[in-house]
Amino acid sequence: MTLAEFENDLRVNWTGEGTISIHGTDHDPLDEIEVREVLGAAYLEGDRDAHARSIARIPAAGYLPYYYGRLDDWSLLGTEDALASL
């Protein structure tokens, strides 16, 4: 397990009202998330330095049930037809 810490140097920070439209794919069905309310919108410009460090180890047996929860279905990419035309 890693901990990521960030140092931000923002030059522009605008906030206001906004709207959102979420689109999904077969691999990432974000469009299944219901947006009930948009609280605001922000636009940022700046620099970010990221630092990550190890903070713990998870035993393999404890992690295994979650490992299979996010595997892409490669057959949805349609690459078989592209390779056949080569």
C-alpha atoms as a PDB file:
ATOM      1  CA  MET A   1       0.000   0.000   0.000  1.00  0.00           C
ATOM      2  CA  THR A   2       1.322   3.424  -0.895  1.00  0.00           C
ATOM      3  CA  LEU A   3       0.616   6.901   0.391  1.00  0.00           C
ATOM      4  CA  ALA A   4       0.742   9.710  -2.156  1.00  0.00           C
ATOM      5  CA  GLU A   5       1.267  13.291  -1.013  1.00  0.00           C
ATOM      6  CA  PHE A   6       1.080  16.309  -3.283  1.00  0.00           C
ATOM      7  CA  GLU A   7       2.509  19.830  -3.194  1.00  0.00           C
ATOM      8  CA  ASN A   8       0.483  22.237  -5.340  1.00  0.00           C
ATOM      9  CA  ASP A   9       1.534  25.628  -6.685  1.00  0.00           C
ATOM     10  CA  LEU A  10      -1.664  27.044  -8.209  1.00  0.00           C
ATOM     11  CA  ARG A  11      -1.511  30.066 -10.501  1.00  0.00           C
ATOM     12  CA  VAL A  12      -5.187  30.070 -11.538  1.00  0.00           C
ATOM     13  CA  ASN A  13      -8.135  28.925  -9.417  1.00  0.00           C
ATOM     14  CA  TRP A  14     -11.561  29.800 -10.780  1.00  0.00           C
ATOM     15  CA  THR A  15     -14.815  28.475  -9.329  1.00  0.00           C
ATOM     16  CA  GLY A  16     -18.415  28.820 -10.421  1.00  0.00           C
ATOM     17  CA  GLU A  17     -21.488  26.940 -11.521  1.00  0.00           C
ATOM     18  CA  GLY A  18     -21.286  24.042 -13.949  1.00  0.00           C
ATOM     19  CA  THR A  19     -22.888  20.993 -15.516  1.00  0.00           C
ATOM     20  CA  ILE A  20     -21.632  17.464 -15.971  1.00  0.00           C
ATOM     21  CA  SER A  21     -22.124  14.721 -18.537  1.00  0.00           C
ATOM     22  CA  ILE A  22     -20.624  11.313 -17.755  1.00  0.00           C
ATOM     23  CA  HIS A  23     -20.019   8.816 -20.541  1.00  0.00           C
ATOM     24  CA  GLY A  24     -18.998   5.201 -20.068  1.00  0.00           C
ATOM     25  CA  THR A  25     -17.416   2.378 -22.001  1.00  0.00           C
ATOM     26  CA  ASP A  26     -17.721  -1.393 -21.790  1.00  0.00           C
ATOM     27  CA  HIS A  27     -14.625  -1.380 -19.597  1.00  0.00           C
ATOM     28  CA  ASP A  28     -15.533   1.637 -17.474  1.00  0.00           C
ATOM     29  CA  PRO A  29     -19.319   2.067 -17.134  1.00  0.00           C
ATOM     30  CA  LEU A  30     -19.240   5.552 -15.583  1.00  0.00           C
ATOM     31  CA  ASP A  31     -22.569   6.413 -17.235  1.00  0.00           C
ATOM     32  CA  GLU A  32     -24.243   4.074 -14.737  1.00  0.00           C
ATOM     33  CA  ILE A  33     -23.517   6.605 -11.972  1.00  0.00           C
ATOM     34  CA  GLU A  34     -26.528   8.815 -11.300  1.00  0.00           C
ATOM     35  CA  VAL A  35     -25.621  12.485 -10.901  1.00  0.00           C
ATOM     36  CA  ARG A  36     -28.205  13.968  -8.568  1.00  0.00           C
ATOM     37  CA  GLU A  37     -26.759  17.421  -8.022  1.00  0.00           C
ATOM     38  CA  VAL A  38     -23.815  19.472  -9.272  1.00  0.00           C
ATOM     39  CA  LEU A  39     -22.437  21.530  -6.412  1.00  0.00           C
ATOM     40  CA  GLY A  40     -20.044  23.622  -8.480  1.00  0.00           C
ATOM     41  CA  ALA A  41     -17.215  23.634 -10.976  1.00  0.00           C
ATOM     42  CA  ALA A  42     -13.533  24.563 -10.815  1.00  0.00           C
ATOM     43  CA  TYR A  43     -10.725  25.324 -13.256  1.00  0.00           C
ATOM     44  CA  LEU A  44      -7.138  25.103 -12.012  1.00  0.00           C
ATOM     45  CA  GLU A  45      -3.726  25.798 -13.528  1.00  0.00           C
ATOM     46  CA  GLY A  46      -0.477  25.156 -11.743  1.00  0.00           C
ATOM     47  CA  ASP A  47       2.283  22.731 -10.897  1.00  0.00           C
ATOM     48  CA  ARG A  48       2.104  19.629  -8.752  1.00  0.00           C
ATOM     49  CA  ASP A  49       4.886  17.628  -7.196  1.00  0.00           C
ATOM     50  CA  ALA A  50       3.894  14.135  -6.144  1.00  0.00           C
ATOM     51  CA  HIS A  51       5.684  12.022  -3.580  1.00  0.00           C
ATOM     52  CA  ALA A  52       4.713   8.409  -2.870  1.00  0.00           C
ATOM     53  CA  ARG A  53       6.015   6.024  -0.257  1.00  0.00           C
ATOM     54  CA  SER A  54       5.220   2.551   0.934  1.00  0.00           C
ATOM     55  CA  ILE A  55       3.286   2.519   4.214  1.00  0.00           C
ATOM     56  CA  ALA A  56       2.161  -1.118   4.545  1.00  0.00           C
ATOM     57  CA  ARG A  57       2.156  -4.552   2.971  1.00  0.00           C
ATOM     58  CA  ILE A  58      -1.039  -6.466   2.323  1.00  0.00           C
ATOM     59  CA  PRO A  59      -0.794 -10.272   2.483  1.00  0.00           C
ATOM     60  CA  ALA A  60      -1.573 -11.868  -0.885  1.00  0.00           C
ATOM     61  CA  ALA A  61      -4.458 -13.913   0.533  1.00  0.00           C
ATOM     62  CA  GLY A  62      -6.123 -10.730   1.776  1.00  0.00           C
ATOM     63  CA  TYR A  63      -5.726  -8.934  -1.548  1.00  0.00           C
ATOM     64  CA  LEU A  64      -6.712 -11.811  -3.853  1.00  0.00           C
ATOM     65  CA  PRO A  65     -10.524 -11.355  -3.629  1.00  0.00           C
ATOM     66  CA  TYR A  66     -10.149  -7.767  -4.907  1.00  0.00           C
ATOM     67  CA  TYR A  67      -7.648  -8.601  -7.651  1.00  0.00           C
ATOM     68  CA  TYR A  68     -10.253 -10.181  -9.908  1.00  0.00           C
ATOM     69  CA  GLY A  69     -12.742  -7.354  -9.443  1.00  0.00           C
ATOM     70  CA  ARG A  70     -11.273  -5.151 -12.214  1.00  0.00           C
ATOM     71  CA  LEU A  71     -10.241  -7.172 -15.238  1.00  0.00           C
ATOM     72  CA  ASP A  72     -10.943  -5.776 -18.697  1.00  0.00           C
ATOM     73  CA  ASP A  73     -12.840  -7.897 -21.223  1.00  0.00           C
ATOM     74  CA  TRP A  74     -10.342  -7.810 -24.089  1.00  0.00           C
ATOM     75  CA  SER A  75     -12.859  -9.326 -26.516  1.00  0.00           C
ATOM     76  CA  LEU A  76     -14.759  -6.017 -26.443  1.00  0.00           C
ATOM     77  CA  LEU A  77     -11.834  -4.211 -28.067  1.00  0.00           C
ATOM     78  CA  GLY A  78     -12.458  -5.893 -31.422  1.00  0.00           C
ATOM     79  CA  THR A  79      -8.748  -6.388 -32.137  1.00  0.00           C
ATOM     80  CA  GLU A  80      -9.293  -9.822 -33.680  1.00  0.00           C
ATOM     81  CA  ASP A  81     -10.751  -8.265 -36.855  1.00  0.00           C
ATOM     82  CA  ALA A  82      -7.901  -5.758 -37.100  1.00  0.00           C
ATOM     83  CA  LEU A  83      -5.301  -8.527 -36.907  1.00  0.00           C
ATOM     84  CA  ALA A  84      -7.086 -10.621 -39.531  1.00  0.00           C
ATOM     85  CA  SER A  85      -6.792  -7.804 -42.080  1.00  0.00           C
ATOM     86  CA  LEU A  86      -2.981  -7.619 -41.787  1.00  0.00           C
END
